[in-house]
Amino acid sequence: MSPSLRNVLLAGLVLAASACVTINIYFPAAAAEKAADRIIEEVWQLREGANAPAQPAAEGSKP
């Protein structure tokens, strides 16, 4: 077997082996739920702020 063919096969084997690696990250469900609740609250507050009526201009001010 020629050295270049061996290098190609070795590179292919390394690539195939590295493609089989899976990284799983686990975190507590309670913390995820709390973070989701916080995000939902922030979104609702932003929506409520956007729907609030504009403050009338003070008397004597020019538009």
N, C-alpha and C. Protein backbone atom coordinates (compact mmCIF):
# COMPACT_ATOMS: atom_id res chain seq x y z
N MET A 1 0.86 -1.17 0.00
CA MET A 1 0.00 0.00 0.00
C MET A 1 0.91 1.23 0.00
N SER A 2 0.59 2.19 -0.86
CA SER A 2 1.43 3.38 -0.96
C SER A 2 1.18 4.29 0.25
N PRO A 3 2.18 5.09 0.62
CA PRO A 3 2.03 5.98 1.79
C PRO A 3 0.89 6.99 1.63
N SER A 4 0.67 7.49 0.42
CA SER A 4 -0.39 8.49 0.24
C SER A 4 -1.77 7.86 0.41
N LEU A 5 -1.94 6.63 -0.08
CA LEU A 5 -3.21 5.94 0.09
C LEU A 5 -3.46 5.63 1.56
N ARG A 6 -2.40 5.25 2.25
CA ARG A 6 -2.52 4.98 3.69
C ARG A 6 -2.91 6.25 4.44
N ASN A 7 -2.34 7.38 4.07
CA ASN A 7 -2.69 8.65 4.72
C ASN A 7 -4.14 9.03 4.46
N VAL A 8 -4.62 8.79 3.26
CA VAL A 8 -6.01 9.10 2.92
C VAL A 8 -6.94 8.20 3.71
N LEU A 9 -6.63 6.92 3.80
CA LEU A 9 -7.46 6.00 4.58
C LEU A 9 -7.44 6.36 6.06
N LEU A 10 -6.27 6.71 6.57
CA LEU A 10 -6.17 7.10 7.98
C LEU A 10 -6.99 8.37 8.24
N ALA A 11 -6.92 9.35 7.35
CA ALA A 11 -7.69 10.58 7.50
C ALA A 11 -9.19 10.27 7.45
N GLY A 12 -9.59 9.37 6.56
CA GLY A 12 -11.00 8.98 6.47
C GLY A 12 -11.47 8.28 7.73
N LEU A 13 -10.62 7.43 8.30
CA LEU A 13 -10.97 6.74 9.54
C LEU A 13 -11.11 7.72 10.69
N VAL A 14 -10.19 8.67 10.79
CA VAL A 14 -10.27 9.68 11.85
C VAL A 14 -11.53 10.53 11.68
N LEU A 15 -11.83 10.90 10.45
CA LEU A 15 -13.03 11.71 10.19
C LEU A 15 -14.30 10.94 10.56
N ALA A 16 -14.36 9.67 10.19
CA ALA A 16 -15.53 8.86 10.51
C ALA A 16 -15.68 8.68 12.01
N ALA A 17 -14.58 8.47 12.71
CA ALA A 17 -14.64 8.28 14.16
C ALA A 17 -15.07 9.56 14.86
N SER A 18 -14.60 10.70 14.39
CA SER A 18 -14.97 11.96 15.04
C SER A 18 -16.41 12.34 14.74
N ALA A 19 -16.97 11.85 13.64
CA ALA A 19 -18.36 12.17 13.29
C ALA A 19 -19.34 11.43 14.19
N CYS A 20 -18.88 10.41 14.89
CA CYS A 20 -19.76 9.62 15.73
C CYS A 20 -19.85 10.15 17.16
N VAL A 21 -19.20 11.25 17.45
CA VAL A 21 -19.19 11.80 18.79
C VAL A 21 -20.43 12.67 18.98
N THR A 22 -21.15 12.44 20.06
CA THR A 22 -22.33 13.22 20.40
C THR A 22 -22.12 13.82 21.78
N ILE A 23 -22.41 15.09 21.90
CA ILE A 23 -22.28 15.75 23.20
C ILE A 23 -23.67 16.11 23.69
N ASN A 24 -24.04 15.57 24.83
CA ASN A 24 -25.34 15.86 25.44
C ASN A 24 -25.13 16.75 26.65
N ILE A 25 -25.88 17.81 26.72
CA ILE A 25 -25.80 18.72 27.85
C ILE A 25 -27.14 18.68 28.56
N TYR A 26 -27.10 18.33 29.81
CA TYR A 26 -28.32 18.24 30.62
C TYR A 26 -28.32 19.37 31.65
N PHE A 27 -29.47 19.95 31.88
CA PHE A 27 -29.60 20.96 32.92
C PHE A 27 -30.92 20.73 33.63
N PRO A 28 -31.02 21.21 34.84
CA PRO A 28 -32.23 20.96 35.63
C PRO A 28 -33.49 21.52 34.97
N ALA A 29 -34.54 20.72 34.97
CA ALA A 29 -35.79 21.14 34.35
C ALA A 29 -36.40 22.34 35.07
N ALA A 30 -36.24 22.38 36.39
CA ALA A 30 -36.82 23.50 37.16
C ALA A 30 -36.17 24.82 36.75
N ALA A 31 -34.86 24.80 36.55
CA ALA A 31 -34.16 26.03 36.16
C ALA A 31 -34.60 26.45 34.76
N ALA A 32 -34.78 25.51 33.87
CA ALA A 32 -35.22 25.83 32.51
C ALA A 32 -36.64 26.40 32.54
N GLU A 33 -37.49 25.82 33.36
CA GLU A 33 -38.87 26.31 33.45
C GLU A 33 -38.91 27.72 34.03
N LYS A 34 -38.08 27.97 35.04
CA LYS A 34 -38.03 29.29 35.65
C LYS A 34 -37.53 30.33 34.63
N ALA A 35 -36.52 29.96 33.84
CA ALA A 35 -36.00 30.88 32.83
C ALA A 35 -37.05 31.15 31.76
N ALA A 36 -37.80 30.12 31.37
CA ALA A 36 -38.86 30.30 30.37
C ALA A 36 -39.96 31.22 30.91
N ASP A 37 -40.32 31.05 32.17
CA ASP A 37 -41.34 31.91 32.77
C ASP A 37 -40.88 33.36 32.79
N ARG A 38 -39.60 33.57 33.11
CA ARG A 38 -39.06 34.93 33.13
C ARG A 38 -39.11 35.56 31.75
N ILE A 39 -38.75 34.80 30.73
CA ILE A 39 -38.77 35.32 29.36
C ILE A 39 -40.19 35.66 28.94
N ILE A 40 -41.13 34.80 29.28
CA ILE A 40 -42.54 35.06 28.93
C ILE A 40 -43.03 36.33 29.62
N GLU A 41 -42.68 36.50 30.89
CA GLU A 41 -43.08 37.72 31.61
C GLU A 41 -42.50 38.96 30.94
N GLU A 42 -41.23 38.90 30.52
CA GLU A 42 -40.61 40.05 29.87
C GLU A 42 -41.30 40.38 28.55
N VAL A 43 -41.67 39.35 27.80
CA VAL A 43 -42.35 39.58 26.53
C VAL A 43 -43.71 40.22 26.77
N TRP A 44 -44.45 39.73 27.76
CA TRP A 44 -45.77 40.31 28.05
C TRP A 44 -45.63 41.75 28.51
N GLN A 45 -44.60 42.05 29.29
CA GLN A 45 -44.40 43.43 29.74
C GLN A 45 -44.08 44.33 28.56
N LEU A 46 -43.29 43.85 27.60
CA LEU A 46 -42.98 44.65 26.43
C LEU A 46 -44.22 44.89 25.60
N ARG A 47 -45.06 43.87 25.45
CA ARG A 47 -46.30 44.03 24.69
C ARG A 47 -47.24 45.00 25.37
N GLU A 48 -47.37 44.90 26.68
CA GLU A 48 -48.25 45.80 27.41
C GLU A 48 -47.74 47.23 27.31
N GLY A 49 -46.43 47.43 27.33
CA GLY A 49 -45.85 48.76 27.20
C GLY A 49 -46.07 49.33 25.81
N ALA A 50 -46.05 48.49 24.79
CA ALA A 50 -46.25 48.95 23.42
C ALA A 50 -47.71 49.30 23.18
N ASN A 51 -48.63 48.66 23.88
CA ASN A 51 -50.06 48.92 23.69
C ASN A 51 -50.57 50.06 24.57
N ALA A 52 -49.72 50.58 25.45
CA ALA A 52 -50.16 51.66 26.34
C ALA A 52 -50.40 52.93 25.52
N PRO A 53 -51.42 53.69 25.87
CA PRO A 53 -51.70 54.91 25.13
C PRO A 53 -50.59 55.94 25.34
N ALA A 54 -50.34 56.73 24.33
CA ALA A 54 -49.29 57.75 24.40
C ALA A 54 -49.73 58.83 25.38
N GLN A 55 -48.78 59.39 26.10
CA GLN A 55 -49.05 60.45 27.05
C GLN A 55 -49.37 61.73 26.28
N PRO A 56 -50.42 62.46 26.67
CA PRO A 56 -50.72 63.71 25.97
C PRO A 56 -49.61 64.74 26.21
N ALA A 57 -49.42 65.58 25.23
CA ALA A 57 -48.37 66.61 25.34
C ALA A 57 -48.77 67.62 26.39
N ALA A 58 -47.80 68.16 27.10
CA ALA A 58 -48.07 69.15 28.12
C ALA A 58 -48.54 70.45 27.44
N GLU A 59 -49.35 71.19 28.17
CA GLU A 59 -49.86 72.43 27.61
C GLU A 59 -48.72 73.41 27.39
N GLY A 60 -48.78 74.10 26.28
CA GLY A 60 -47.78 75.12 25.98
C GLY A 60 -46.58 74.55 25.25
N SER A 61 -46.49 73.26 25.10
CA SER A 61 -45.37 72.69 24.35
C SER A 61 -45.74 72.62 22.89
N LYS A 62 -44.74 72.78 22.06
CA LYS A 62 -44.99 72.74 20.61
C LYS A 62 -44.70 71.33 20.11
N PRO A 63 -45.53 70.83 19.21
CA PRO A 63 -45.33 69.48 18.69
C PRO A 63 -44.14 69.38 17.77
